[in-house]
Amino acid sequence: MTMETLPKTLEADEKFPESKDLLPSQTASSLCISSRSESVWTTTPRSNWEIYRKPIIIMSTGGTILLFGLVITFLAYTLNLGDKSRSIIKMIGPAFLSLGLMMLVCGLVWVPIIKKKQKQRQKSSFFQSLKSFLNC
């Protein structure tokens, strides 16, 4: 049985030789090109705003949503509203509180991750320059 299946697979490869070209290459250059992270070779100095822009936006949005949730929750317990509107506001307020707190914490955690990544990138570029210096 194995002898019969082997020629069939060979025939399939002969019929579609372009399928071999579709296989991804595992060379270092193709991996660097296809990676989503920045390459060590193309680093350009970036300002702090460019580096920390996204976490700052996430933290400020989270803080705003958190404050909005606090105000809604406070108003739900202090205003004399109907039972239906009061129950709706009592559900919406904590939802905004939790969403805002989650976004705020995500932004706060993102900052040390970026700092660590920057240090690793600096070390990597230093070792790459040292390696190229020693190879010459």
N, C-alpha and C. Protein backbone atom coordinates (compact mmCIF):
# COMPACT_ATOMS: atom_id res chain seq x y z
N MET A 1 0.81 -1.20 0.00
CA MET A 1 0.00 0.00 0.00
C MET A 1 0.85 1.26 0.00
N THR A 2 1.95 1.25 0.71
CA THR A 2 2.78 2.44 0.75
C THR A 2 3.42 2.71 -0.60
N MET A 3 3.69 1.67 -1.36
CA MET A 3 4.26 1.87 -2.69
C MET A 3 3.26 2.53 -3.62
N GLU A 4 1.98 2.25 -3.41
CA GLU A 4 0.97 2.83 -4.26
C GLU A 4 0.72 4.30 -3.91
N THR A 5 0.79 4.64 -2.64
CA THR A 5 0.53 6.02 -2.25
C THR A 5 1.70 6.93 -2.59
N LEU A 6 2.91 6.40 -2.60
CA LEU A 6 4.08 7.22 -2.90
C LEU A 6 4.03 7.77 -4.32
N PRO A 7 3.78 6.96 -5.34
CA PRO A 7 3.71 7.53 -6.68
C PRO A 7 2.56 8.51 -6.84
N LYS A 8 1.46 8.33 -6.13
CA LYS A 8 0.34 9.26 -6.25
C LYS A 8 0.73 10.63 -5.72
N THR A 9 1.48 10.66 -4.62
CA THR A 9 1.90 11.95 -4.09
C THR A 9 2.92 12.60 -5.00
N LEU A 10 3.77 11.81 -5.61
CA LEU A 10 4.73 12.37 -6.56
C LEU A 10 4.01 12.94 -7.77
N GLU A 11 2.97 12.23 -8.24
CA GLU A 11 2.22 12.73 -9.37
C GLU A 11 1.53 14.04 -9.03
N ALA A 12 1.05 14.16 -7.82
CA ALA A 12 0.38 15.40 -7.41
C ALA A 12 1.37 16.55 -7.40
N ASP A 13 2.61 16.29 -6.95
CA ASP A 13 3.63 17.34 -6.96
C ASP A 13 4.03 17.71 -8.37
N GLU A 14 4.04 16.73 -9.27
CA GLU A 14 4.41 17.03 -10.65
C GLU A 14 3.33 17.83 -11.34
N LYS A 15 2.06 17.60 -10.98
CA LYS A 15 0.97 18.34 -11.59
C LYS A 15 0.96 19.80 -11.15
N PHE A 16 1.34 20.05 -9.90
CA PHE A 16 1.29 21.39 -9.35
C PHE A 16 2.67 21.80 -8.84
N PRO A 17 3.61 22.08 -9.73
CA PRO A 17 4.95 22.47 -9.25
C PRO A 17 4.96 23.85 -8.60
N GLU A 18 3.95 24.69 -8.93
CA GLU A 18 3.95 26.02 -8.33
C GLU A 18 3.60 25.98 -6.85
N SER A 19 3.06 24.86 -6.36
CA SER A 19 2.75 24.76 -4.93
C SER A 19 4.02 24.77 -4.09
N LYS A 20 5.13 24.31 -4.67
CA LYS A 20 6.39 24.36 -3.95
C LYS A 20 6.86 25.79 -3.76
N ASP A 21 6.52 26.68 -4.70
CA ASP A 21 6.92 28.07 -4.60
C ASP A 21 6.12 28.81 -3.53
N LEU A 22 4.97 28.28 -3.16
CA LEU A 22 4.14 28.95 -2.18
C LEU A 22 4.58 28.70 -0.75
N LEU A 23 5.48 27.75 -0.54
CA LEU A 23 5.95 27.47 0.80
C LEU A 23 6.76 28.64 1.32
N PRO A 24 6.54 29.04 2.57
CA PRO A 24 7.28 30.19 3.10
C PRO A 24 8.75 29.87 3.28
N SER A 25 9.56 30.82 2.96
CA SER A 25 11.00 30.67 3.14
C SER A 25 11.35 30.93 4.60
N GLN A 26 12.30 30.20 5.12
CA GLN A 26 12.69 30.35 6.52
C GLN A 26 14.05 31.02 6.65
N THR A 27 14.41 31.85 5.72
CA THR A 27 15.68 32.55 5.83
C THR A 27 15.53 33.73 6.77
N ALA A 28 16.64 34.21 7.26
CA ALA A 28 16.61 35.30 8.23
C ALA A 28 16.07 36.58 7.61
N SER A 29 16.39 36.84 6.34
CA SER A 29 15.92 38.07 5.74
C SER A 29 14.41 38.07 5.57
N SER A 30 13.83 36.95 5.19
CA SER A 30 12.38 36.92 5.02
C SER A 30 11.68 37.00 6.37
N LEU A 31 12.28 36.47 7.41
CA LEU A 31 11.67 36.56 8.73
C LEU A 31 11.68 37.99 9.22
N CYS A 32 12.74 38.73 8.96
CA CYS A 32 12.79 40.12 9.38
C CYS A 32 11.79 40.97 8.62
N ILE A 33 11.62 40.68 7.34
CA ILE A 33 10.70 41.46 6.53
C ILE A 33 9.26 41.19 6.96
N SER A 34 8.93 39.93 7.27
CA SER A 34 7.55 39.60 7.57
C SER A 34 7.19 39.83 9.03
N SER A 35 8.15 40.13 9.88
CA SER A 35 7.82 40.34 11.28
C SER A 35 7.12 41.67 11.47
N ARG A 36 6.27 41.73 12.48
CA ARG A 36 5.52 42.94 12.73
C ARG A 36 6.29 43.92 13.59
N SER A 37 7.28 43.41 14.30
CA SER A 37 8.05 44.30 15.16
C SER A 37 9.08 45.06 14.34
N GLU A 38 9.60 46.09 14.94
CA GLU A 38 10.58 46.89 14.23
C GLU A 38 11.89 46.14 14.14
N SER A 39 12.57 46.32 13.06
CA SER A 39 13.84 45.66 12.86
C SER A 39 14.94 46.44 13.55
N VAL A 40 15.96 45.73 13.98
CA VAL A 40 17.10 46.38 14.61
C VAL A 40 17.85 47.22 13.59
N TRP A 41 17.80 46.82 12.34
CA TRP A 41 18.59 47.47 11.30
C TRP A 41 17.98 48.79 10.87
N THR A 42 16.70 48.98 11.03
CA THR A 42 16.05 50.18 10.53
C THR A 42 15.56 51.08 11.66
N THR A 43 16.23 51.06 12.78
CA THR A 43 15.78 51.90 13.89
C THR A 43 16.15 53.34 13.63
N THR A 44 15.18 54.19 13.76
CA THR A 44 15.40 55.62 13.68
C THR A 44 15.01 56.19 15.03
N PRO A 45 15.70 57.22 15.48
CA PRO A 45 15.35 57.78 16.78
C PRO A 45 13.93 58.33 16.76
N ARG A 46 13.17 57.94 17.78
CA ARG A 46 11.79 58.40 17.89
C ARG A 46 11.64 59.22 19.15
N SER A 47 10.72 60.16 19.11
CA SER A 47 10.48 60.99 20.28
C SER A 47 9.67 60.21 21.31
N ASN A 48 9.64 60.73 22.52
CA ASN A 48 8.89 60.06 23.59
C ASN A 48 7.40 60.03 23.27
N TRP A 49 6.89 61.07 22.59
CA TRP A 49 5.48 61.09 22.23
C TRP A 49 5.15 59.95 21.27
N GLU A 50 6.02 59.71 20.30
CA GLU A 50 5.78 58.61 19.36
C GLU A 50 5.82 57.26 20.06
N ILE A 51 6.67 57.14 21.07
CA ILE A 51 6.81 55.87 21.77
C ILE A 51 5.63 55.63 22.72
N TYR A 52 5.25 56.64 23.48
CA TYR A 52 4.25 56.47 24.54
C TYR A 52 2.88 57.01 24.17
N ARG A 53 2.63 57.31 22.90
CA ARG A 53 1.37 57.91 22.47
C ARG A 53 0.18 57.00 22.76
N LYS A 54 0.26 55.74 22.36
CA LYS A 54 -0.88 54.84 22.54
C LYS A 54 -1.21 54.59 24.01
N PRO A 55 -0.23 54.30 24.87
CA PRO A 55 -0.60 54.13 26.29
C PRO A 55 -1.18 55.40 26.91
N ILE A 56 -0.70 56.56 26.52
CA ILE A 56 -1.23 57.80 27.06
C ILE A 56 -2.68 57.99 26.64
N ILE A 57 -2.98 57.68 25.38
CA ILE A 57 -4.36 57.81 24.90
C ILE A 57 -5.26 56.82 25.62
N ILE A 58 -4.78 55.58 25.79
CA ILE A 58 -5.58 54.56 26.49
C ILE A 58 -5.82 54.98 27.94
N MET A 59 -4.77 55.49 28.61
CA MET A 59 -4.94 55.90 30.02
C MET A 59 -5.88 57.09 30.15
N SER A 60 -5.76 58.07 29.27
CA SER A 60 -6.64 59.24 29.38
C SER A 60 -8.08 58.87 29.05
N THR A 61 -8.28 58.00 28.07
CA THR A 61 -9.64 57.56 27.76
C THR A 61 -10.21 56.75 28.92
N GLY A 62 -9.40 55.87 29.48
CA GLY A 62 -9.85 55.08 30.63
C GLY A 62 -10.17 55.93 31.84
N GLY A 63 -9.35 56.94 32.09
CA GLY A 63 -9.61 57.84 33.21
C GLY A 63 -10.89 58.63 33.01
N THR A 64 -11.14 59.06 31.78
CA THR A 64 -12.37 59.79 31.48
C THR A 64 -13.60 58.91 31.67
N ILE A 65 -13.52 57.68 31.16
CA ILE A 65 -14.65 56.75 31.32
C ILE A 65 -14.86 56.42 32.80
N LEU A 66 -13.77 56.27 33.54
CA LEU A 66 -13.86 55.99 34.97
C LEU A 66 -14.55 57.14 35.71
N LEU A 67 -14.16 58.37 35.41
CA LEU A 67 -14.80 59.53 36.05
C LEU A 67 -16.28 59.63 35.66
N PHE A 68 -16.58 59.35 34.41
CA PHE A 68 -17.97 59.36 33.96
C PHE A 68 -18.79 58.32 34.72
N GLY A 69 -18.20 57.14 34.91
CA GLY A 69 -18.88 56.10 35.68
C GLY A 69 -19.08 56.50 37.13
N LEU A 70 -18.09 57.18 37.70
CA LEU A 70 -18.23 57.66 39.08
C LEU A 70 -19.38 58.66 39.20
N VAL A 71 -19.45 59.60 38.25
CA VAL A 71 -20.50 60.61 38.28
C VAL A 71 -21.87 59.96 38.12
N ILE A 72 -22.00 59.04 37.17
CA ILE A 72 -23.30 58.38 36.94
C ILE A 72 -23.70 57.58 38.18
N THR A 73 -22.76 56.85 38.76
CA THR A 73 -23.07 56.06 39.95
C THR A 73 -23.46 56.96 41.12
N PHE A 74 -22.75 58.06 41.29
CA PHE A 74 -23.08 59.01 42.36
C PHE A 74 -24.48 59.60 42.15
N LEU A 75 -24.79 59.98 40.90
CA LEU A 75 -26.10 60.56 40.62
C LEU A 75 -27.23 59.54 40.79
N ALA A 76 -26.94 58.28 40.51
CA ALA A 76 -27.98 57.25 40.64
C ALA A 76 -28.42 57.10 42.09
N TYR A 77 -27.51 57.31 43.02
CA TYR A 77 -27.85 57.13 44.43
C TYR A 77 -28.30 58.43 45.10
N THR A 78 -28.09 59.58 44.46
CA THR A 78 -28.48 60.83 45.10
C THR A 78 -29.74 61.44 44.51
N LEU A 79 -30.01 61.23 43.24
CA LEU A 79 -31.19 61.81 42.62
C LEU A 79 -32.43 60.98 42.91
N ASN A 80 -33.56 61.67 42.98
CA ASN A 80 -34.84 60.97 43.15
C ASN A 80 -35.41 60.71 41.76
N LEU A 81 -35.20 59.53 41.27
CA LEU A 81 -35.68 59.15 39.95
C LEU A 81 -36.69 58.03 40.08
N GLY A 82 -37.32 57.71 38.97
CA GLY A 82 -38.25 56.59 38.97
C GLY A 82 -37.49 55.28 39.14
N ASP A 83 -38.23 54.23 39.49
CA ASP A 83 -37.59 52.94 39.75
C ASP A 83 -36.90 52.37 38.51
N LYS A 84 -37.54 52.52 37.35
CA LYS A 84 -36.97 51.95 36.12
C LYS A 84 -35.68 52.68 35.72
N SER A 85 -35.70 54.00 35.73
CA SER A 85 -34.51 54.77 35.34
C SER A 85 -33.40 54.60 36.37
N ARG A 86 -33.77 54.51 37.65
CA ARG A 86 -32.77 54.31 38.68
C ARG A 86 -32.07 52.95 38.52
N SER A 87 -32.82 51.91 38.20
CA SER A 87 -32.20 50.59 38.02
C SER A 87 -31.31 50.56 36.79
N ILE A 88 -31.70 51.29 35.74
CA ILE A 88 -30.86 51.35 34.54
C ILE A 88 -29.56 52.09 34.84
N ILE A 89 -29.66 53.21 35.53
CA ILE A 89 -28.47 54.00 35.86
C ILE A 89 -27.57 53.23 36.82
N LYS A 90 -28.16 52.46 37.73
CA LYS A 90 -27.35 51.66 38.65
C LYS A 90 -26.62 50.53 37.94
N MET A 91 -27.08 50.12 36.77
CA MET A 91 -26.36 49.11 35.98
C MET A 91 -25.31 49.77 35.09
N ILE A 92 -25.63 50.91 34.53
CA ILE A 92 -24.71 51.57 33.60
C ILE A 92 -23.50 52.16 34.33
N GLY A 93 -23.71 52.74 35.49
CA GLY A 93 -22.62 53.38 36.24
C GLY A 93 -21.48 52.42 36.55
N PRO A 94 -21.74 51.29 37.19
CA PRO A 94 -20.65 50.34 37.46
C PRO A 94 -20.02 49.76 36.20
N ALA A 95 -20.80 49.66 35.13
CA ALA A 95 -20.23 49.16 33.87
C ALA A 95 -19.17 50.14 33.35
N PHE A 96 -19.49 51.44 33.40
CA PHE A 96 -18.50 52.44 33.00
C PHE A 96 -17.32 52.47 33.97
N LEU A 97 -17.59 52.28 35.24
CA LEU A 97 -16.50 52.21 36.23
C LEU A 97 -15.53 51.09 35.90
N SER A 98 -16.06 49.91 35.64
CA SER A 98 -15.17 48.77 35.37
C SER A 98 -14.45 48.92 34.04
N LEU A 99 -15.14 49.42 33.02
CA LEU A 99 -14.49 49.62 31.72
C LEU A 99 -13.38 50.66 31.82
N GLY A 100 -13.65 51.76 32.49
CA GLY A 100 -12.64 52.81 32.65
C GLY A 100 -11.45 52.34 33.46
N LEU A 101 -11.71 51.60 34.52
CA LEU A 101 -10.62 51.09 35.35
C LEU A 101 -9.76 50.09 34.56
N MET A 102 -10.42 49.26 33.77
CA MET A 102 -9.68 48.28 32.96
C MET A 102 -8.78 48.98 31.94
N MET A 103 -9.30 50.00 31.27
CA MET A 103 -8.48 50.72 30.29
C MET A 103 -7.34 51.47 30.97
N LEU A 104 -7.61 52.06 32.12
CA LEU A 104 -6.58 52.79 32.85
C LEU A 104 -5.45 51.85 33.27
N VAL A 105 -5.80 50.69 33.80
CA VAL A 105 -4.78 49.73 34.23
C VAL A 105 -4.00 49.18 33.03
N CYS A 106 -4.68 48.94 31.91
CA CYS A 106 -3.98 48.46 30.71
C CYS A 106 -2.94 49.47 30.25
N GLY A 107 -3.29 50.74 30.26
CA GLY A 107 -2.33 51.77 29.89
C GLY A 107 -1.18 51.87 30.87
N LEU A 108 -1.48 51.74 32.16
CA LEU A 108 -0.43 51.81 33.17
C LEU A 108 0.52 50.62 33.08
N VAL A 109 0.03 49.47 32.71
CA VAL A 109 0.89 48.28 32.57
C VAL A 109 1.69 48.35 31.28
N TRP A 110 1.14 49.00 30.27
CA TRP A 110 1.79 49.08 28.97
C TRP A 110 3.09 49.89 29.04
N VAL A 111 3.14 50.90 29.88
CA VAL A 111 4.31 51.78 29.95
C VAL A 111 5.57 51.02 30.37
N PRO A 112 5.57 50.21 31.45
CA PRO A 112 6.79 49.47 31.80
C PRO A 112 7.18 48.45 30.74
N ILE A 113 6.19 47.90 30.03
CA ILE A 113 6.50 46.96 28.95
C ILE A 113 7.27 47.67 27.85
N ILE A 114 6.85 48.87 27.51
CA ILE A 114 7.55 49.64 26.47
C ILE A 114 8.95 50.00 26.93
N LYS A 115 9.10 50.38 28.21
CA LYS A 115 10.43 50.72 28.72
C LYS A 115 11.37 49.53 28.64
N LYS A 116 10.87 48.35 29.00
CA LYS A 116 11.69 47.13 28.94
C LYS A 116 12.06 46.81 27.50
N LYS A 117 11.12 46.98 26.60
CA LYS A 117 11.38 46.72 25.18
C LYS A 117 12.43 47.69 24.63
N GLN A 118 12.39 48.95 25.07
CA GLN A 118 13.38 49.93 24.63
C GLN A 118 14.78 49.54 25.12
N LYS A 119 14.88 49.07 26.37
CA LYS A 119 16.18 48.65 26.89
C LYS A 119 16.71 47.46 26.12
N GLN A 120 15.83 46.49 25.81
CA GLN A 120 16.27 45.33 25.04
C GLN A 120 16.72 45.73 23.65
N ARG A 121 16.03 46.68 23.04
CA ARG A 121 16.39 47.14 21.71
C ARG A 121 17.75 47.85 21.73
N GLN A 122 18.01 48.62 22.81
CA GLN A 122 19.31 49.29 22.92
C GLN A 122 20.43 48.29 23.10
N LYS A 123 20.18 47.26 23.94
CA LYS A 123 21.20 46.22 24.13
C LYS A 123 21.45 45.47 22.83
N SER A 124 20.41 45.16 22.12
CA SER A 124 20.53 44.42 20.87
C SER A 124 21.33 45.21 19.84
N SER A 125 21.03 46.50 19.71
CA SER A 125 21.77 47.31 18.75
C SER A 125 23.23 47.47 19.18
N PHE A 126 23.48 47.53 20.49
CA PHE A 126 24.86 47.62 20.97
C PHE A 126 25.62 46.35 20.61
N PHE A 127 25.01 45.18 20.86
CA PHE A 127 25.69 43.93 20.56
C PHE A 127 25.87 43.72 19.06
N GLN A 128 24.93 44.20 18.26
CA GLN A 128 25.08 44.10 16.81
C GLN A 128 26.25 44.97 16.32
N SER A 129 26.37 46.17 16.87
CA SER A 129 27.48 47.02 16.46
C SER A 129 28.79 46.46 16.95
N LEU A 130 28.81 45.88 18.15
CA LEU A 130 30.02 45.25 18.67
C LEU A 130 30.42 44.04 17.82
N LYS A 131 29.43 43.26 17.42
CA LYS A 131 29.69 42.09 16.58
C LYS A 131 30.24 42.51 15.22
N SER A 132 29.67 43.53 14.62
CA SER A 132 30.17 43.97 13.31
C SER A 132 31.56 44.58 13.45
N PHE A 133 31.87 45.22 14.60
CA PHE A 133 33.18 45.78 14.81
C PHE A 133 34.23 44.67 14.95
N LEU A 134 33.89 43.61 15.68
CA LEU A 134 34.83 42.52 15.89
C LEU A 134 35.03 41.67 14.65
N ASN A 135 34.06 41.60 13.77
CA ASN A 135 34.19 40.81 12.55
C ASN A 135 35.04 41.50 11.50
N CYS A 136 35.22 42.79 11.58
CA CYS A 136 35.99 43.51 10.55
C CYS A 136 37.48 43.31 10.70
